[in-house]
Amino acid sequence: KCIGGGEISAIVGINPYQSPLDVYLRKFGLIEVPETQAMRLGKRLEPIVAGLYCDATGRGGYHLNAEILHHQHLPWVIGTPDILFPEDHIGVELKTAGIRQAPNWGEPGTDDIPAMYRTQVAWYQAITGYSQWEVAVLIGGQDFRLYQIARDLDLEALLLEAGRRFYNV
């Protein structure tokens, strides 16, 4: 009954791993998506990537978020950001990527991340209202990178409209 941050990229057609139809079929219980080895490893490595993030930024006192957040005015817009620093209005997404994915990630310190993750961040920014988001990624188990994502209200509006159209189908 809701659309999450990991689903919006599929809904807008930029997720290489799932389509809008996949999301629709999963929502109605018509298909199940089996957890892949990469998904399992990504979850297991989240605390390690979080530790690397804290080492790089000097931020501490984090906890991995397990709470589902809802948009203030659109209850069907939900998300589970990885780390939130409410006092600083900063959110953090933790990612892992295989070495073959390295070319899809730009220079550290920029906002040059894969589009499917950029939409996820924008979705979470729409939910939280946070103007700053950081994406920490561990590529190939050795290459840690940190990216800074500023809020893009135009992108948020496009995603929310696409989500609304999908939700109301």
N, C-alpha and C. Protein backbone atom coordinates (compact mmCIF):
# COMPACT_ATOMS: atom_id res chain seq x y z
N LYS A 1 0.81 -1.21 0.00
CA LYS A 1 0.00 0.00 0.00
C LYS A 1 0.84 1.26 0.00
N CYS A 2 2.17 1.11 -0.01
CA CYS A 2 3.07 2.25 0.02
C CYS A 2 4.17 2.07 -1.01
N ILE A 3 4.86 3.17 -1.29
CA ILE A 3 6.01 3.13 -2.20
C ILE A 3 7.24 3.55 -1.41
N GLY A 4 8.25 2.69 -1.43
CA GLY A 4 9.47 2.94 -0.70
C GLY A 4 10.57 3.52 -1.57
N GLY A 5 11.61 3.98 -0.91
CA GLY A 5 12.73 4.60 -1.61
C GLY A 5 13.45 3.67 -2.56
N GLY A 6 13.48 2.39 -2.25
CA GLY A 6 14.12 1.43 -3.13
C GLY A 6 13.28 1.06 -4.34
N GLU A 7 12.01 1.45 -4.33
CA GLU A 7 11.10 1.10 -5.43
C GLU A 7 10.93 2.21 -6.45
N ILE A 8 11.15 3.46 -6.04
CA ILE A 8 10.84 4.57 -6.93
C ILE A 8 11.70 4.55 -8.20
N SER A 9 12.94 4.08 -8.11
CA SER A 9 13.77 4.02 -9.32
C SER A 9 13.20 3.04 -10.33
N ALA A 10 12.61 1.94 -9.87
CA ALA A 10 11.97 0.99 -10.78
C ALA A 10 10.71 1.61 -11.39
N ILE A 11 9.96 2.32 -10.58
CA ILE A 11 8.72 2.93 -11.05
C ILE A 11 8.99 3.94 -12.16
N VAL A 12 10.09 4.69 -12.05
CA VAL A 12 10.42 5.68 -13.09
C VAL A 12 11.27 5.08 -14.20
N GLY A 13 11.55 3.77 -14.12
CA GLY A 13 12.21 3.08 -15.23
C GLY A 13 13.71 3.19 -15.31
N ILE A 14 14.39 3.49 -14.19
CA ILE A 14 15.85 3.61 -14.26
C ILE A 14 16.58 2.59 -13.40
N ASN A 15 15.86 1.60 -12.92
CA ASN A 15 16.48 0.56 -12.11
C ASN A 15 16.82 -0.63 -13.02
N PRO A 16 18.10 -0.98 -13.14
CA PRO A 16 18.46 -2.07 -14.04
C PRO A 16 18.06 -3.46 -13.52
N TYR A 17 17.62 -3.54 -12.27
CA TYR A 17 17.33 -4.83 -11.66
C TYR A 17 15.83 -5.13 -11.53
N GLN A 18 14.99 -4.10 -11.66
CA GLN A 18 13.55 -4.34 -11.58
C GLN A 18 12.80 -3.29 -12.39
N SER A 19 11.62 -3.67 -12.84
CA SER A 19 10.79 -2.81 -13.68
C SER A 19 9.57 -2.34 -12.88
N PRO A 20 8.82 -1.38 -13.44
CA PRO A 20 7.57 -0.99 -12.77
C PRO A 20 6.63 -2.20 -12.62
N LEU A 21 6.61 -3.07 -13.61
CA LEU A 21 5.76 -4.26 -13.52
C LEU A 21 6.19 -5.16 -12.36
N ASP A 22 7.49 -5.30 -12.14
CA ASP A 22 7.98 -6.09 -11.00
C ASP A 22 7.44 -5.53 -9.69
N VAL A 23 7.49 -4.21 -9.55
CA VAL A 23 7.00 -3.57 -8.32
C VAL A 23 5.50 -3.84 -8.18
N TYR A 24 4.76 -3.65 -9.25
CA TYR A 24 3.32 -3.87 -9.23
C TYR A 24 2.98 -5.30 -8.83
N LEU A 25 3.63 -6.27 -9.47
CA LEU A 25 3.36 -7.68 -9.18
C LEU A 25 3.73 -8.05 -7.74
N ARG A 26 4.83 -7.47 -7.25
CA ARG A 26 5.24 -7.73 -5.87
C ARG A 26 4.25 -7.12 -4.88
N LYS A 27 3.74 -5.93 -5.19
CA LYS A 27 2.78 -5.26 -4.31
C LYS A 27 1.51 -6.09 -4.14
N PHE A 28 1.13 -6.79 -5.20
CA PHE A 28 -0.08 -7.60 -5.14
C PHE A 28 0.19 -9.06 -4.78
N GLY A 29 1.43 -9.33 -4.39
CA GLY A 29 1.77 -10.67 -3.96
C GLY A 29 1.80 -11.71 -5.06
N LEU A 30 1.95 -11.26 -6.28
CA LEU A 30 1.94 -12.18 -7.42
C LEU A 30 3.32 -12.74 -7.74
N ILE A 31 4.35 -12.08 -7.26
CA ILE A 31 5.71 -12.60 -7.39
C ILE A 31 6.47 -12.30 -6.10
N GLU A 32 7.49 -13.06 -5.88
CA GLU A 32 8.42 -12.79 -4.78
C GLU A 32 9.79 -12.58 -5.39
N VAL A 33 10.52 -11.66 -4.83
CA VAL A 33 11.88 -11.42 -5.31
C VAL A 33 12.83 -12.11 -4.33
N PRO A 34 13.51 -13.15 -4.80
CA PRO A 34 14.43 -13.84 -3.89
C PRO A 34 15.62 -12.95 -3.54
N GLU A 35 16.08 -13.08 -2.32
CA GLU A 35 17.25 -12.32 -1.89
C GLU A 35 18.50 -12.91 -2.55
N THR A 36 19.25 -12.05 -3.20
CA THR A 36 20.47 -12.49 -3.87
C THR A 36 21.66 -12.45 -2.90
N GLN A 37 22.74 -13.07 -3.32
CA GLN A 37 23.96 -13.04 -2.52
C GLN A 37 24.42 -11.59 -2.32
N ALA A 38 24.33 -10.78 -3.37
CA ALA A 38 24.74 -9.37 -3.26
C ALA A 38 23.87 -8.63 -2.24
N MET A 39 22.57 -8.93 -2.21
CA MET A 39 21.68 -8.30 -1.23
C MET A 39 22.05 -8.72 0.19
N ARG A 40 22.30 -9.99 0.37
CA ARG A 40 22.67 -10.49 1.71
C ARG A 40 23.98 -9.85 2.18
N LEU A 41 24.96 -9.82 1.29
CA LEU A 41 26.25 -9.23 1.65
C LEU A 41 26.11 -7.73 1.94
N GLY A 42 25.31 -7.05 1.13
CA GLY A 42 25.10 -5.62 1.36
C GLY A 42 24.55 -5.34 2.75
N LYS A 43 23.58 -6.14 3.19
CA LYS A 43 23.02 -5.97 4.54
C LYS A 43 24.07 -6.28 5.61
N ARG A 44 24.82 -7.34 5.40
CA ARG A 44 25.84 -7.72 6.38
C ARG A 44 26.96 -6.68 6.48
N LEU A 45 27.25 -6.03 5.37
CA LEU A 45 28.35 -5.07 5.35
C LEU A 45 27.93 -3.66 5.78
N GLU A 46 26.64 -3.41 5.96
CA GLU A 46 26.19 -2.07 6.37
C GLU A 46 26.91 -1.55 7.61
N PRO A 47 27.05 -2.34 8.68
CA PRO A 47 27.77 -1.81 9.85
C PRO A 47 29.23 -1.47 9.56
N ILE A 48 29.85 -2.20 8.66
CA ILE A 48 31.25 -1.91 8.29
C ILE A 48 31.31 -0.60 7.52
N VAL A 49 30.40 -0.42 6.56
CA VAL A 49 30.38 0.83 5.79
C VAL A 49 30.04 1.99 6.71
N ALA A 50 29.15 1.77 7.67
CA ALA A 50 28.82 2.83 8.65
C ALA A 50 30.06 3.21 9.46
N GLY A 51 30.85 2.22 9.86
CA GLY A 51 32.08 2.51 10.60
C GLY A 51 33.07 3.29 9.76
N LEU A 52 33.20 2.92 8.49
CA LEU A 52 34.09 3.67 7.59
C LEU A 52 33.59 5.11 7.41
N TYR A 53 32.28 5.26 7.33
CA TYR A 53 31.68 6.59 7.22
C TYR A 53 32.05 7.43 8.45
N CYS A 54 31.88 6.86 9.63
CA CYS A 54 32.20 7.58 10.87
C CYS A 54 33.68 7.94 10.94
N ASP A 55 34.54 7.02 10.52
CA ASP A 55 35.97 7.30 10.49
C ASP A 55 36.26 8.48 9.56
N ALA A 56 35.60 8.51 8.40
CA ALA A 56 35.86 9.55 7.40
C ALA A 56 35.30 10.91 7.80
N THR A 57 34.19 10.92 8.52
CA THR A 57 33.52 12.19 8.82
C THR A 57 33.72 12.65 10.25
N GLY A 58 34.15 11.76 11.12
CA GLY A 58 34.27 12.11 12.53
C GLY A 58 32.94 12.11 13.26
N ARG A 59 31.87 11.73 12.58
CA ARG A 59 30.56 11.64 13.23
C ARG A 59 30.46 10.34 13.99
N GLY A 60 29.89 10.39 15.13
CA GLY A 60 29.67 9.19 15.92
C GLY A 60 28.25 9.18 16.44
N GLY A 61 27.98 8.24 17.29
CA GLY A 61 26.67 8.17 17.90
C GLY A 61 25.55 7.81 16.94
N TYR A 62 25.89 7.14 15.88
CA TYR A 62 24.87 6.76 14.91
C TYR A 62 24.22 5.45 15.34
N HIS A 63 23.07 5.17 14.79
CA HIS A 63 22.50 3.83 14.84
C HIS A 63 21.85 3.56 13.50
N LEU A 64 21.95 2.31 13.06
CA LEU A 64 21.33 1.94 11.80
C LEU A 64 19.82 2.00 11.97
N ASN A 65 19.17 2.73 11.12
CA ASN A 65 17.74 2.97 11.23
C ASN A 65 16.96 1.74 10.76
N ALA A 66 16.01 1.33 11.54
CA ALA A 66 15.11 0.24 11.13
C ALA A 66 13.67 0.74 11.08
N GLU A 67 13.49 2.00 11.39
CA GLU A 67 12.15 2.59 11.44
C GLU A 67 11.67 2.99 10.06
N ILE A 68 10.42 2.70 9.77
CA ILE A 68 9.81 3.14 8.52
C ILE A 68 9.31 4.57 8.73
N LEU A 69 9.77 5.47 7.90
CA LEU A 69 9.33 6.86 7.96
C LEU A 69 8.27 7.11 6.91
N HIS A 70 7.30 7.96 7.25
CA HIS A 70 6.23 8.33 6.32
C HIS A 70 6.33 9.81 6.00
N HIS A 71 6.01 10.16 4.77
CA HIS A 71 5.91 11.56 4.36
C HIS A 71 4.80 12.22 5.17
N GLN A 72 5.01 13.46 5.55
CA GLN A 72 4.07 14.18 6.41
C GLN A 72 2.68 14.28 5.80
N HIS A 73 2.59 14.49 4.48
CA HIS A 73 1.29 14.72 3.84
C HIS A 73 0.87 13.60 2.89
N LEU A 74 1.80 12.71 2.56
CA LEU A 74 1.51 11.64 1.61
C LEU A 74 1.83 10.30 2.29
N PRO A 75 0.87 9.71 2.95
CA PRO A 75 1.15 8.52 3.76
C PRO A 75 1.62 7.31 2.96
N TRP A 76 1.44 7.30 1.66
CA TRP A 76 1.90 6.20 0.83
C TRP A 76 3.38 6.33 0.45
N VAL A 77 4.01 7.44 0.81
CA VAL A 77 5.43 7.68 0.56
C VAL A 77 6.20 7.29 1.82
N ILE A 78 6.96 6.20 1.73
CA ILE A 78 7.67 5.70 2.90
C ILE A 78 9.15 5.48 2.58
N GLY A 79 9.93 5.32 3.63
CA GLY A 79 11.34 5.03 3.44
C GLY A 79 11.99 4.58 4.73
N THR A 80 13.11 3.90 4.57
CA THR A 80 13.92 3.48 5.71
C THR A 80 15.36 3.89 5.45
N PRO A 81 15.66 5.18 5.61
CA PRO A 81 17.05 5.63 5.44
C PRO A 81 17.96 4.86 6.39
N ASP A 82 19.22 4.68 5.98
CA ASP A 82 20.14 3.88 6.78
C ASP A 82 20.55 4.57 8.08
N ILE A 83 20.95 5.83 7.99
CA ILE A 83 21.37 6.58 9.19
C ILE A 83 20.78 7.98 9.11
N LEU A 84 20.29 8.46 10.24
CA LEU A 84 19.79 9.83 10.33
C LEU A 84 20.51 10.54 11.47
N PHE A 85 20.89 11.78 11.20
CA PHE A 85 21.42 12.66 12.24
C PHE A 85 20.44 13.83 12.34
N PRO A 86 19.34 13.64 13.10
CA PRO A 86 18.27 14.67 13.15
C PRO A 86 18.76 16.03 13.61
N GLU A 87 19.72 16.05 14.54
CA GLU A 87 20.19 17.34 15.06
C GLU A 87 20.89 18.16 13.98
N ASP A 88 21.48 17.49 12.98
CA ASP A 88 22.17 18.18 11.88
C ASP A 88 21.35 18.18 10.59
N HIS A 89 20.19 17.54 10.59
CA HIS A 89 19.37 17.39 9.39
C HIS A 89 20.16 16.77 8.24
N ILE A 90 20.85 15.69 8.56
CA ILE A 90 21.65 14.95 7.57
C ILE A 90 21.22 13.50 7.59
N GLY A 91 21.04 12.95 6.41
CA GLY A 91 20.78 11.53 6.26
C GLY A 91 21.94 10.87 5.54
N VAL A 92 22.08 9.57 5.74
CA VAL A 92 23.18 8.83 5.14
C VAL A 92 22.64 7.52 4.56
N GLU A 93 23.00 7.24 3.33
CA GLU A 93 22.72 5.94 2.72
C GLU A 93 24.02 5.18 2.63
N LEU A 94 23.98 3.91 2.98
CA LEU A 94 25.15 3.04 2.95
C LEU A 94 24.98 2.05 1.80
N LYS A 95 25.99 1.95 0.96
CA LYS A 95 25.91 1.07 -0.20
C LYS A 95 27.17 0.23 -0.31
N THR A 96 27.03 -0.89 -0.97
CA THR A 96 28.17 -1.70 -1.39
C THR A 96 28.01 -1.94 -2.87
N ALA A 97 29.13 -2.10 -3.55
CA ALA A 97 29.09 -2.32 -5.00
C ALA A 97 30.26 -3.22 -5.39
N GLY A 98 30.02 -4.03 -6.37
CA GLY A 98 31.09 -4.85 -6.91
C GLY A 98 32.08 -4.01 -7.68
N ILE A 99 33.26 -4.53 -7.87
CA ILE A 99 34.33 -3.79 -8.56
C ILE A 99 33.92 -3.39 -9.97
N ARG A 100 33.10 -4.20 -10.62
CA ARG A 100 32.65 -3.86 -11.98
C ARG A 100 31.72 -2.66 -12.00
N GLN A 101 31.17 -2.30 -10.84
CA GLN A 101 30.29 -1.14 -10.74
C GLN A 101 31.04 0.17 -10.50
N ALA A 102 32.33 0.09 -10.25
CA ALA A 102 33.13 1.28 -9.93
C ALA A 102 32.97 2.41 -10.96
N PRO A 103 32.95 2.12 -12.27
CA PRO A 103 32.81 3.22 -13.23
C PRO A 103 31.48 3.97 -13.13
N ASN A 104 30.49 3.39 -12.47
CA ASN A 104 29.19 4.05 -12.32
C ASN A 104 29.18 5.08 -11.20
N TRP A 105 30.26 5.12 -10.43
CA TRP A 105 30.38 6.06 -9.33
C TRP A 105 31.42 7.10 -9.70
N GLY A 106 31.06 8.38 -9.57
CA GLY A 106 31.97 9.47 -9.94
C GLY A 106 33.02 9.73 -8.88
N GLU A 107 33.59 10.91 -8.98
CA GLU A 107 34.63 11.31 -8.04
C GLU A 107 34.05 11.48 -6.64
N PRO A 108 34.74 10.96 -5.62
CA PRO A 108 34.28 11.17 -4.24
C PRO A 108 34.13 12.66 -3.94
N GLY A 109 33.16 12.98 -3.10
CA GLY A 109 32.91 14.37 -2.74
C GLY A 109 31.91 15.06 -3.65
N THR A 110 31.60 14.42 -4.79
CA THR A 110 30.63 14.99 -5.72
C THR A 110 29.25 14.36 -5.45
N ASP A 111 28.31 14.67 -6.34
CA ASP A 111 26.99 14.02 -6.26
C ASP A 111 26.80 13.02 -7.40
N ASP A 112 27.90 12.59 -7.99
CA ASP A 112 27.87 11.71 -9.16
C ASP A 112 27.75 10.24 -8.73
N ILE A 113 26.50 9.84 -8.47
CA ILE A 113 26.20 8.47 -8.05
C ILE A 113 25.21 7.87 -9.06
N PRO A 114 25.05 6.56 -9.07
CA PRO A 114 24.08 5.96 -9.99
C PRO A 114 22.68 6.53 -9.78
N ALA A 115 21.98 6.72 -10.89
CA ALA A 115 20.66 7.37 -10.87
C ALA A 115 19.68 6.65 -9.95
N MET A 116 19.75 5.32 -9.89
CA MET A 116 18.78 4.62 -9.04
C MET A 116 18.97 4.95 -7.56
N TYR A 117 20.20 5.26 -7.16
CA TYR A 117 20.44 5.66 -5.78
C TYR A 117 20.12 7.14 -5.58
N ARG A 118 20.31 7.93 -6.61
CA ARG A 118 19.97 9.36 -6.51
C ARG A 118 18.48 9.53 -6.29
N THR A 119 17.66 8.71 -6.97
CA THR A 119 16.21 8.81 -6.77
C THR A 119 15.83 8.35 -5.36
N GLN A 120 16.51 7.34 -4.85
CA GLN A 120 16.24 6.88 -3.48
C GLN A 120 16.53 7.99 -2.48
N VAL A 121 17.66 8.67 -2.65
CA VAL A 121 18.02 9.78 -1.77
C VAL A 121 16.99 10.90 -1.86
N ALA A 122 16.58 11.24 -3.07
CA ALA A 122 15.58 12.31 -3.24
C ALA A 122 14.27 11.93 -2.56
N TRP A 123 13.89 10.67 -2.64
CA TRP A 123 12.68 10.19 -1.99
C TRP A 123 12.78 10.38 -0.47
N TYR A 124 13.93 10.03 0.07
CA TYR A 124 14.14 10.18 1.51
C TYR A 124 14.21 11.66 1.92
N GLN A 125 14.77 12.49 1.06
CA GLN A 125 14.80 13.92 1.37
C GLN A 125 13.38 14.50 1.36
N ALA A 126 12.53 13.99 0.46
CA ALA A 126 11.13 14.44 0.44
C ALA A 126 10.43 14.05 1.73
N ILE A 127 10.77 12.88 2.25
CA ILE A 127 10.15 12.42 3.49
C ILE A 127 10.65 13.21 4.70
N THR A 128 11.95 13.39 4.79
CA THR A 128 12.54 14.00 5.98
C THR A 128 12.63 15.52 5.93
N GLY A 129 12.68 16.06 4.72
CA GLY A 129 12.91 17.50 4.57
C GLY A 129 14.37 17.88 4.72
N TYR A 130 15.25 16.90 4.87
CA TYR A 130 16.67 17.18 5.04
C TYR A 130 17.26 17.71 3.74
N SER A 131 18.02 18.78 3.85
CA SER A 131 18.61 19.39 2.65
C SER A 131 19.92 18.73 2.24
N GLN A 132 20.53 18.00 3.16
CA GLN A 132 21.82 17.36 2.87
C GLN A 132 21.72 15.86 3.10
N TRP A 133 22.27 15.12 2.17
CA TRP A 133 22.34 13.66 2.29
C TRP A 133 23.72 13.23 1.88
N GLU A 134 24.20 12.19 2.50
CA GLU A 134 25.50 11.64 2.14
C GLU A 134 25.33 10.18 1.76
N VAL A 135 26.08 9.76 0.77
CA VAL A 135 26.06 8.36 0.34
C VAL A 135 27.47 7.83 0.53
N ALA A 136 27.57 6.78 1.35
CA ALA A 136 28.84 6.12 1.60
C ALA A 136 28.80 4.78 0.89
N VAL A 137 29.81 4.51 0.08
CA VAL A 137 29.82 3.26 -0.68
C VAL A 137 31.17 2.57 -0.52
N LEU A 138 31.13 1.27 -0.38
CA LEU A 138 32.32 0.44 -0.38
C LEU A 138 32.30 -0.37 -1.67
N ILE A 139 33.26 -0.08 -2.53
CA ILE A 139 33.32 -0.71 -3.85
C ILE A 139 34.39 -1.79 -3.84
N GLY A 140 33.99 -2.98 -4.24
CA GLY A 140 34.94 -4.08 -4.34
C GLY A 140 35.58 -4.47 -3.03
N GLY A 141 34.98 -4.09 -1.93
CA GLY A 141 35.49 -4.44 -0.61
C GLY A 141 36.72 -3.67 -0.17
N GLN A 142 37.19 -2.72 -0.99
CA GLN A 142 38.42 -1.99 -0.65
C GLN A 142 38.37 -0.50 -0.90
N ASP A 143 37.51 -0.07 -1.77
CA ASP A 143 37.48 1.33 -2.20
C ASP A 143 36.29 2.03 -1.54
N PHE A 144 36.55 2.79 -0.46
CA PHE A 144 35.49 3.51 0.23
C PHE A 144 35.39 4.91 -0.35
N ARG A 145 34.16 5.33 -0.67
CA ARG A 145 33.92 6.66 -1.22
C ARG A 145 32.73 7.30 -0.53
N LEU A 146 32.77 8.62 -0.47
CA LEU A 146 31.72 9.39 0.17
C LEU A 146 31.25 10.47 -0.79
N TYR A 147 29.93 10.59 -0.94
CA TYR A 147 29.31 11.53 -1.86
C TYR A 147 28.36 12.45 -1.11
N GLN A 148 28.22 13.68 -1.60
CA GLN A 148 27.37 14.71 -0.99
C GLN A 148 26.21 15.01 -1.94
N ILE A 149 25.00 14.87 -1.43
CA ILE A 149 23.82 15.10 -2.27
C ILE A 149 23.00 16.25 -1.69
N ALA A 150 22.89 17.33 -2.46
CA ALA A 150 22.06 18.47 -2.06
C ALA A 150 20.61 18.18 -2.47
N ARG A 151 19.70 18.76 -1.77
CA ARG A 151 18.28 18.54 -2.05
C ARG A 151 17.92 19.16 -3.40
N ASP A 152 17.12 18.44 -4.16
CA ASP A 152 16.65 18.88 -5.48
C ASP A 152 15.13 18.80 -5.47
N LEU A 153 14.49 19.93 -5.20
CA LEU A 153 13.03 19.96 -5.09
C LEU A 153 12.34 19.60 -6.39
N ASP A 154 12.94 19.95 -7.53
CA ASP A 154 12.35 19.60 -8.82
C ASP A 154 12.34 18.08 -9.02
N LEU A 155 13.45 17.43 -8.68
CA LEU A 155 13.50 15.98 -8.78
C LEU A 155 12.49 15.34 -7.83
N GLU A 156 12.42 15.84 -6.62
CA GLU A 156 11.44 15.31 -5.67
C GLU A 156 10.02 15.41 -6.23
N ALA A 157 9.69 16.56 -6.81
CA ALA A 157 8.34 16.75 -7.35
C ALA A 157 8.07 15.76 -8.49
N LEU A 158 9.04 15.55 -9.36
CA LEU A 158 8.87 14.59 -10.45
C LEU A 158 8.66 13.18 -9.91
N LEU A 159 9.45 12.79 -8.92
CA LEU A 159 9.33 11.45 -8.35
C LEU A 159 8.00 11.27 -7.61
N LEU A 160 7.60 12.28 -6.86
CA LEU A 160 6.33 12.19 -6.14
C LEU A 160 5.16 12.09 -7.10
N GLU A 161 5.23 12.81 -8.20
CA GLU A 161 4.16 12.73 -9.21
C GLU A 161 4.16 11.36 -9.88
N ALA A 162 5.34 10.84 -10.22
CA ALA A 162 5.41 9.50 -10.81
C ALA A 162 4.90 8.45 -9.82
N GLY A 163 5.24 8.60 -8.56
CA GLY A 163 4.76 7.69 -7.54
C GLY A 163 3.26 7.77 -7.38
N ARG A 164 2.72 8.97 -7.42
CA ARG A 164 1.27 9.16 -7.30
C ARG A 164 0.55 8.49 -8.46
N ARG A 165 1.05 8.68 -9.69
CA ARG A 165 0.43 8.04 -10.86
C ARG A 165 0.47 6.51 -10.71
N PHE A 166 1.61 5.99 -10.28
CA PHE A 166 1.73 4.55 -10.12
C PHE A 166 0.80 4.05 -9.02
N TYR A 167 0.76 4.75 -7.94
CA TYR A 167 -0.04 4.35 -6.77
C TYR A 167 -1.52 4.35 -7.09
N ASN A 168 -1.94 5.28 -7.93
CA ASN A 168 -3.36 5.41 -8.26
C ASN A 168 -3.80 4.57 -9.44
N VAL A 169 -2.92 3.76 -9.99
CA VAL A 169 -3.27 2.92 -11.15
C VAL A 169 -4.36 1.96 -10.77
